[in-house]
Amino acid sequence: VDRLAAKIKKICPPQPLNIMEVCGSHTQSFFRFGLDKILPSNLRLIAGPGCPVCVSSAGYIDAAVSLARKKDVMVLTFGDMLRIPGNKTSLEQERARSGNVRVVYSALESLEAARANPDKKVVFLAVGFETTAPTVALSILAAKKLGLENLSFLTALKLIPPAMEYLAADKQLKVHGFLCPGHVSAIIGTRPYEPIVRKRKITCCVAGFEPVDILEGIYMILRRIVSNDPAVDNQYSRVVKRPGNIEARNFMRRVFAVSKAEWRGLGVIPASGQKIRKEFARFDAEKVFSVSADARGVSPQQKKCRCGDVLKGLIEPPECPLFAAACSPQKPIGPCMVSSEGACNAYFKYRNVGTV
């Protein structure tokens, strides 16, 4: 770590530089291990939109809550989704009222829940990036094979490279390099980042999550910046290969079609989502229950939350007027505070500024 920190300081140009760590796990590791304290002051790491919980829209939560209120419905979700605020309530509050919300650890658990509860309509909240999508696809294929008529999926699956392109095109945000997510890249490989390099002349480097991984990834980006030779580098070669996981990608293509998607705090990004294909419509909760996860009105308190600006790197979490005052991990208002991968959560826990 000391050697890499010294190499970074030696090679780092004097002008302000912004590197976006796209993945929420990078954000947590960066602050947990205090890496921000050993880097040059002009080198800024921006917490990007790489937390699926953080970018789940209030409209999606509202749709999930509306399903949980139906007596014959059982909603299954990952635990970190429970406290994300919708416009009026959360799944955690709904679970306390009705008990129709249950926590699971894998999409595949929805199959067993549907078989064990034939009198219930089971809905799995399919939230995530390319890392999660293959298991959701497999679950839908398995449900079809088993003939499960009481199982459906409310999807909010998103694609990382289109979001990176969207941010790279934002003139308000100057990104000089992307630290790309290791988990996502294990599925998609490194090829999807190549168009960003060609079009935007911004270096991308896939990195692992240990301190040495992150620092080595930063050094590799700086080396490209100094030599004015943008490219896609792969620090995480022990896990990530250029083609990615071809079998997992084939499962996704078979079950999902690329669509637009709403990213909380960022807006609607074209071709950045995955919707269930028409041939699997019987497993699409939006069609089964005629619900919509599209954007809806935002509550006054939500409007004060600047999570979107945090995700874009325009401000740091303490600059939000709600941070550590009205908004804390115990009582989160914005999704960046809810998730363990959220930037606000990381600041609160590891920078000791969250005393309320």
Protein backbone atom coordinates (compact mmCIF):
# COMPACT_ATOMS: atom_id res chain seq x y z
CA VAL A 1 0.00 0.00 0.00
CA ASP A 2 2.79 2.43 0.91
CA ARG A 3 4.66 1.67 -2.32
CA LEU A 4 1.56 2.22 -4.45
CA ALA A 5 0.66 5.42 -2.60
CA ALA A 6 4.18 6.74 -3.28
CA LYS A 7 3.95 5.80 -6.98
CA ILE A 8 0.58 7.55 -7.24
CA LYS A 9 1.93 10.74 -5.65
CA LYS A 10 4.93 10.68 -7.96
CA ILE A 11 2.97 10.23 -11.19
CA CYS A 12 -0.11 12.33 -10.36
CA PRO A 13 -0.34 15.55 -12.44
CA PRO A 14 -0.78 18.83 -10.49
CA GLN A 15 -4.20 19.73 -11.95
CA PRO A 16 -7.47 18.61 -10.28
CA LEU A 17 -8.46 15.12 -11.36
CA ASN A 18 -11.74 13.25 -10.87
CA ILE A 19 -11.86 9.46 -10.90
CA MET A 20 -15.27 7.87 -10.47
CA GLU A 21 -15.44 4.58 -8.62
CA VAL A 22 -18.58 3.22 -10.25
CA CYS A 23 -19.18 0.40 -7.77
CA GLY A 24 -20.58 0.93 -4.27
CA SER A 25 -18.24 -1.77 -2.91
CA HIS A 26 -15.30 0.37 -4.06
CA THR A 27 -16.78 3.34 -2.22
CA GLN A 28 -17.10 1.39 1.01
CA SER A 29 -13.57 -0.05 0.78
CA PHE A 30 -12.11 3.34 -0.13
CA PHE A 31 -13.37 4.97 3.07
CA ARG A 32 -13.20 1.90 5.29
CA PHE A 33 -9.47 1.57 4.74
CA GLY A 34 -8.83 5.33 4.78
CA LEU A 35 -7.40 5.41 1.26
CA ASP A 36 -8.64 8.98 0.81
CA LYS A 37 -6.12 10.06 3.45
CA ILE A 38 -3.05 8.81 1.59
CA LEU A 39 -3.80 10.12 -1.91
CA PRO A 40 -2.77 13.52 -3.34
CA SER A 41 -5.18 16.31 -2.39
CA ASN A 42 -5.88 17.20 -6.03
CA LEU A 43 -6.98 13.63 -6.80
CA ARG A 44 -10.68 13.21 -6.06
CA LEU A 45 -12.55 9.92 -6.11
CA ILE A 46 -16.24 10.35 -6.88
CA ALA A 47 -18.85 7.88 -5.69
CA GLY A 48 -20.81 6.93 -8.80
CA PRO A 49 -24.17 5.21 -9.34
CA GLY A 50 -22.93 1.66 -8.78
CA CYS A 51 -25.33 0.76 -5.97
CA PRO A 52 -28.55 -0.86 -7.28
CA VAL A 53 -30.41 -0.01 -4.09
CA CYS A 54 -29.39 3.66 -4.30
CA VAL A 55 -30.66 4.07 -7.85
CA SER A 56 -34.00 2.28 -7.37
CA SER A 57 -36.71 4.84 -8.01
CA ALA A 58 -39.37 5.93 -5.54
CA GLY A 59 -41.92 4.84 -8.14
CA TYR A 60 -40.55 1.29 -8.01
CA ILE A 61 -40.81 1.23 -4.21
CA ASP A 62 -44.37 2.59 -4.42
CA ALA A 63 -45.28 -0.21 -6.85
CA ALA A 64 -43.76 -2.83 -4.52
CA VAL A 65 -45.66 -1.39 -1.55
CA SER A 66 -48.92 -1.49 -3.50
CA LEU A 67 -48.37 -5.21 -4.12
CA ALA A 68 -47.50 -5.89 -0.47
CA ARG A 69 -50.86 -4.39 0.53
CA LYS A 70 -52.75 -7.08 -1.36
CA LYS A 71 -53.88 -9.83 1.04
CA ASP A 72 -53.16 -12.66 -1.39
CA VAL A 73 -49.66 -11.44 -2.32
CA MET A 74 -46.29 -12.28 -0.74
CA VAL A 75 -43.44 -9.92 -1.65
CA LEU A 76 -39.88 -11.27 -1.51
CA THR A 77 -36.94 -8.88 -1.38
CA PHE A 78 -33.28 -8.52 -0.50
CA GLY A 79 -32.85 -7.06 2.98
CA ASP A 80 -31.20 -3.80 1.92
CA MET A 81 -34.35 -2.85 -0.02
CA LEU A 82 -36.54 -2.74 3.09
CA ARG A 83 -35.78 0.78 4.28
CA ILE A 84 -35.56 2.57 0.93
CA PRO A 85 -38.17 5.31 1.14
CA GLY A 86 -40.95 5.50 -1.39
CA ASN A 87 -42.95 8.69 -1.65
CA LYS A 88 -45.01 7.90 1.45
CA THR A 89 -43.77 4.71 3.08
CA SER A 90 -41.23 1.88 2.82
CA LEU A 91 -41.33 -1.90 2.56
CA GLU A 92 -40.13 -2.11 6.17
CA GLN A 93 -43.14 -0.14 7.36
CA GLU A 94 -45.43 -2.23 5.18
CA ARG A 95 -43.98 -5.45 6.56
CA ALA A 96 -44.74 -4.25 10.09
CA ARG A 97 -48.35 -3.58 9.08
CA SER A 98 -49.20 -6.63 7.00
CA GLY A 99 -46.36 -9.16 7.22
CA ASN A 100 -46.62 -9.67 3.46
CA VAL A 101 -42.94 -8.81 2.89
CA ARG A 102 -40.22 -11.40 3.43
CA VAL A 103 -36.42 -11.19 3.11
CA VAL A 104 -34.56 -13.68 0.91
CA TYR A 105 -30.93 -14.00 -0.13
CA SER A 106 -31.31 -15.23 -3.70
CA ALA A 107 -33.80 -14.97 -6.54
CA LEU A 108 -33.86 -18.77 -6.65
CA GLU A 109 -35.53 -18.80 -3.20
CA SER A 110 -38.64 -17.43 -4.90
CA LEU A 111 -39.20 -20.84 -6.53
CA GLU A 112 -39.43 -22.62 -3.20
CA ALA A 113 -41.62 -19.86 -1.73
CA ALA A 114 -44.06 -20.19 -4.62
CA ARG A 115 -44.24 -23.96 -4.24
CA ALA A 116 -44.64 -23.76 -0.47
CA ASN A 117 -47.41 -21.13 -0.68
CA PRO A 118 -49.79 -22.17 -3.49
CA ASP A 119 -52.54 -19.94 -2.01
CA LYS A 120 -50.34 -16.83 -2.43
CA LYS A 121 -49.21 -14.83 -5.44
CA VAL A 122 -45.46 -14.57 -4.86
CA VAL A 123 -43.61 -11.52 -6.24
CA PHE A 124 -39.81 -11.25 -6.20
CA LEU A 125 -38.35 -7.74 -6.34
CA ALA A 126 -35.68 -8.19 -9.01
CA VAL A 127 -33.29 -5.31 -8.34
CA GLY A 128 -29.67 -5.23 -9.40
CA PHE A 129 -27.07 -4.86 -12.11
CA GLU A 130 -25.54 -7.41 -14.47
CA THR A 131 -24.30 -9.34 -11.43
CA THR A 132 -27.83 -10.16 -10.24
CA ALA A 133 -29.66 -10.40 -13.57
CA PRO A 134 -28.41 -13.92 -14.56
CA THR A 135 -29.85 -15.50 -11.40
CA VAL A 136 -33.17 -13.74 -12.02
CA ALA A 137 -33.14 -15.03 -15.60
CA LEU A 138 -32.42 -18.56 -14.37
CA SER A 139 -35.26 -18.29 -11.84
CA ILE A 140 -37.73 -17.26 -14.56
CA LEU A 141 -36.62 -20.12 -16.80
CA ALA A 142 -36.95 -22.55 -13.88
CA ALA A 143 -40.40 -21.19 -12.99
CA LYS A 144 -41.55 -21.78 -16.56
CA LYS A 145 -40.17 -25.31 -16.55
CA LEU A 146 -41.87 -26.08 -13.22
CA GLY A 147 -45.14 -24.54 -14.37
CA LEU A 148 -45.37 -22.15 -11.41
CA GLU A 149 -48.47 -20.04 -12.03
CA ASN A 150 -48.24 -18.03 -8.79
CA LEU A 151 -44.76 -16.50 -9.23
CA SER A 152 -43.83 -13.21 -10.89
CA PHE A 153 -40.97 -10.71 -10.86
CA LEU A 154 -41.10 -6.92 -10.47
CA THR A 155 -37.92 -5.89 -12.26
CA ALA A 156 -35.63 -2.91 -11.82
CA LEU A 157 -32.56 -4.45 -13.46
CA LYS A 158 -30.03 -1.97 -14.79
CA LEU A 159 -26.97 -1.93 -17.03
CA ILE A 160 -23.80 -0.14 -15.90
CA PRO A 161 -22.03 0.87 -19.17
CA PRO A 162 -24.94 3.06 -20.45
CA ALA A 163 -24.99 4.90 -17.12
CA MET A 164 -21.24 5.49 -17.39
CA GLU A 165 -21.70 6.88 -20.92
CA TYR A 166 -24.53 9.11 -19.64
CA LEU A 167 -22.28 10.52 -16.90
CA ALA A 168 -19.30 10.90 -19.23
CA ALA A 169 -21.48 13.02 -21.53
CA ASP A 170 -22.58 15.33 -18.68
CA LYS A 171 -20.76 18.64 -19.19
CA GLN A 172 -21.35 19.56 -15.56
CA LEU A 173 -19.38 16.55 -14.40
CA LYS A 174 -15.76 16.20 -15.49
CA VAL A 175 -14.63 12.59 -15.20
CA HIS A 176 -11.02 11.85 -16.08
CA GLY A 177 -11.17 8.11 -15.39
CA PHE A 178 -13.55 5.33 -14.40
CA LEU A 179 -12.71 2.70 -11.79
CA CYS A 180 -14.98 -0.02 -13.15
CA PRO A 181 -16.86 -2.55 -10.99
CA GLY A 182 -15.26 -5.95 -10.52
CA HIS A 183 -18.44 -7.97 -9.91
CA VAL A 184 -20.31 -6.56 -12.89
CA SER A 185 -17.24 -6.97 -15.10
CA ALA A 186 -16.97 -10.64 -14.15
CA ILE A 187 -20.25 -11.06 -16.05
CA ILE A 188 -19.97 -8.56 -18.92
CA GLY A 189 -16.18 -8.59 -19.38
CA THR A 190 -14.21 -5.51 -20.41
CA ARG A 191 -15.50 -5.04 -23.98
CA PRO A 192 -18.58 -2.93 -23.06
CA TYR A 193 -16.28 -0.19 -21.73
CA GLU A 194 -14.37 0.15 -25.01
CA PRO A 195 -16.96 2.43 -26.72
CA ILE A 196 -16.68 4.87 -23.79
CA VAL A 197 -12.92 5.07 -24.31
CA ARG A 198 -13.28 5.54 -28.05
CA LYS A 199 -16.04 8.15 -27.86
CA ARG A 200 -15.16 10.05 -24.69
CA LYS A 201 -11.38 9.48 -24.50
CA ILE A 202 -11.74 8.48 -20.84
CA THR A 203 -9.68 5.62 -19.41
CA CYS A 204 -11.54 2.74 -17.74
CA CYS A 205 -9.87 0.30 -15.36
CA VAL A 206 -11.59 -2.74 -13.85
CA ALA A 207 -10.37 -3.22 -10.28
CA GLY A 208 -10.90 -5.56 -7.34
CA PHE A 209 -11.99 -4.46 -3.88
CA GLU A 210 -8.98 -4.87 -1.61
CA PRO A 211 -6.91 -1.73 -0.81
CA VAL A 212 -4.07 -2.86 -3.09
CA ASP A 213 -6.56 -3.55 -5.91
CA ILE A 214 -8.05 -0.07 -5.67
CA LEU A 215 -4.72 1.73 -5.45
CA GLU A 216 -3.27 -0.28 -8.32
CA GLY A 217 -6.39 0.55 -10.39
CA ILE A 218 -5.95 4.27 -9.64
CA TYR A 219 -2.27 4.08 -10.58
CA MET A 220 -3.11 2.39 -13.89
CA ILE A 221 -5.63 5.15 -14.70
CA LEU A 222 -3.13 7.89 -13.84
CA ARG A 223 -0.49 6.27 -16.02
CA ARG A 224 -2.91 6.42 -18.97
CA ILE A 225 -3.79 10.05 -18.23
CA VAL A 226 -0.15 11.10 -18.07
CA SER A 227 0.71 9.34 -21.34
CA ASN A 228 -2.49 10.63 -22.99
CA ASP A 229 -3.32 7.07 -24.04
CA PRO A 230 -6.90 6.26 -22.90
CA ALA A 231 -7.73 2.56 -22.88
CA VAL A 232 -9.51 -0.19 -20.96
CA ASP A 233 -7.20 -1.80 -18.40
CA ASN A 234 -7.95 -4.84 -16.25
CA GLN A 235 -6.36 -4.86 -12.81
CA TYR A 236 -8.77 -7.62 -11.69
CA SER A 237 -7.50 -10.18 -14.21
CA ARG A 238 -7.63 -12.97 -11.62
CA VAL A 239 -11.45 -12.79 -11.88
CA VAL A 240 -12.39 -10.73 -14.96
CA LYS A 241 -11.75 -11.79 -18.57
CA ARG A 242 -12.36 -9.71 -21.70
CA PRO A 243 -15.36 -11.78 -22.94
CA GLY A 244 -16.87 -12.02 -19.45
CA ASN A 245 -19.14 -14.92 -18.50
CA ILE A 246 -20.63 -15.90 -21.84
CA GLU A 247 -23.13 -18.39 -20.39
CA ALA A 248 -24.50 -15.85 -17.88
CA ARG A 249 -24.81 -13.22 -20.63
CA ASN A 250 -26.71 -15.70 -22.82
CA PHE A 251 -29.21 -16.32 -20.01
CA MET A 252 -29.81 -12.57 -19.72
CA ARG A 253 -30.31 -12.15 -23.47
CA ARG A 254 -32.73 -15.07 -23.57
CA VAL A 255 -35.05 -13.69 -20.86
CA PHE A 256 -34.57 -9.90 -20.97
CA ALA A 257 -34.76 -7.18 -23.59
CA VAL A 258 -32.82 -3.93 -23.25
CA SER A 259 -35.04 -0.97 -22.34
CA LYS A 260 -34.88 2.52 -20.91
CA ALA A 261 -34.68 2.72 -17.12
CA GLU A 262 -35.15 5.31 -14.42
CA TRP A 263 -32.13 5.81 -12.16
CA ARG A 264 -32.99 7.54 -8.92
CA GLY A 265 -31.27 10.90 -8.83
CA LEU A 266 -30.13 10.64 -12.45
CA GLY A 267 -33.39 10.37 -14.38
CA VAL A 268 -34.31 8.13 -17.29
CA ILE A 269 -31.30 6.73 -19.18
CA PRO A 270 -31.93 5.13 -22.61
CA ALA A 271 -30.98 1.46 -23.11
CA SER A 272 -29.86 1.10 -19.48
CA GLY A 273 -32.48 -1.34 -18.21
CA GLN A 274 -33.60 -4.93 -18.71
CA LYS A 275 -37.29 -5.81 -19.06
CA ILE A 276 -38.79 -9.28 -19.20
CA ARG A 277 -39.41 -10.37 -22.80
CA LYS A 278 -42.97 -10.86 -24.08
CA GLU A 279 -42.64 -14.64 -24.20
CA PHE A 280 -42.18 -14.61 -20.43
CA ALA A 281 -44.94 -12.03 -19.74
CA ARG A 282 -46.76 -14.41 -17.38
CA PHE A 283 -43.84 -13.85 -14.96
CA ASP A 284 -43.78 -10.05 -15.34
CA ALA A 285 -45.44 -8.55 -12.23
CA GLU A 286 -46.09 -5.23 -14.00
CA LYS A 287 -48.32 -7.07 -16.49
CA VAL A 288 -49.77 -9.62 -14.07
CA PHE A 289 -50.93 -6.94 -11.60
CA SER A 290 -51.20 -3.94 -13.96
CA VAL A 291 -48.82 -1.88 -11.82
CA SER A 292 -46.26 0.67 -13.00
CA ALA A 293 -42.83 1.34 -11.55
CA ASP A 294 -42.47 4.59 -13.49
CA ALA A 295 -41.62 7.89 -11.82
CA ARG A 296 -44.33 9.57 -9.78
CA GLY A 297 -44.62 12.71 -7.68
CA VAL A 298 -41.88 13.25 -5.10
CA SER A 299 -42.59 14.17 -1.49
CA PRO A 300 -41.31 17.55 -0.17
CA GLN A 301 -38.75 15.82 2.07
CA GLN A 302 -37.47 13.73 -0.83
CA LYS A 303 -36.99 16.89 -2.88
CA LYS A 304 -34.54 18.20 -0.28
CA CYS A 305 -32.42 15.04 -0.59
CA ARG A 306 -29.43 15.61 -2.89
CA CYS A 307 -28.61 11.96 -3.43
CA GLY A 308 -28.64 12.52 -7.19
CA ASP A 309 -25.93 15.17 -6.92
CA VAL A 310 -23.89 12.82 -4.72
CA LEU A 311 -24.19 10.05 -7.31
CA LYS A 312 -23.02 12.46 -10.01
CA GLY A 313 -20.09 13.63 -7.89
CA LEU A 314 -21.31 17.23 -7.93
CA ILE A 315 -21.31 17.39 -4.12
CA GLU A 316 -19.98 15.31 -1.25
CA PRO A 317 -22.52 13.84 1.21
CA PRO A 318 -21.94 16.42 4.00
CA GLU A 319 -22.97 19.16 1.57
CA CYS A 320 -26.53 17.80 1.52
CA PRO A 321 -28.64 19.78 4.04
CA LEU A 322 -30.20 16.55 5.36
CA PHE A 323 -26.94 14.68 5.98
CA ALA A 324 -26.40 13.59 9.62
CA ALA A 325 -29.30 15.79 10.68
CA ALA A 326 -32.63 14.58 9.35
CA CYS A 327 -30.95 11.74 7.41
CA SER A 328 -28.90 9.01 9.10
CA PRO A 329 -28.49 5.21 8.74
CA GLN A 330 -31.01 4.80 11.56
CA LYS A 331 -33.56 7.04 9.83
CA PRO A 332 -32.58 7.39 6.16
CA ILE A 333 -34.35 9.73 3.80
CA GLY A 334 -32.26 9.14 0.71
CA PRO A 335 -31.21 5.75 -0.71
CA CYS A 336 -27.51 6.72 -0.56
CA MET A 337 -27.85 6.53 3.24
CA VAL A 338 -29.90 3.31 3.29
CA SER A 339 -27.57 0.95 1.50
CA SER A 340 -24.32 -0.29 2.98
CA GLU A 341 -22.81 0.52 -0.43
CA GLY A 342 -24.17 4.08 -0.50
CA ALA A 343 -21.78 7.03 -0.45
CA CYS A 344 -23.64 8.81 2.37
CA ASN A 345 -23.60 5.64 4.45
CA ALA A 346 -19.83 5.31 3.92
CA TYR A 347 -19.19 8.94 4.89
CA PHE A 348 -21.36 8.57 7.99
CA LYS A 349 -19.61 5.39 9.18
CA TYR A 350 -15.99 6.02 8.29
CA ARG A 351 -15.45 9.76 8.40
CA ASN A 352 -16.89 10.25 11.88
CA VAL A 353 -19.01 13.18 10.80
CA GLY A 354 -22.30 11.49 11.48
CA THR A 355 -22.83 12.21 15.16
CA VAL A 356 -26.40 13.27 15.82
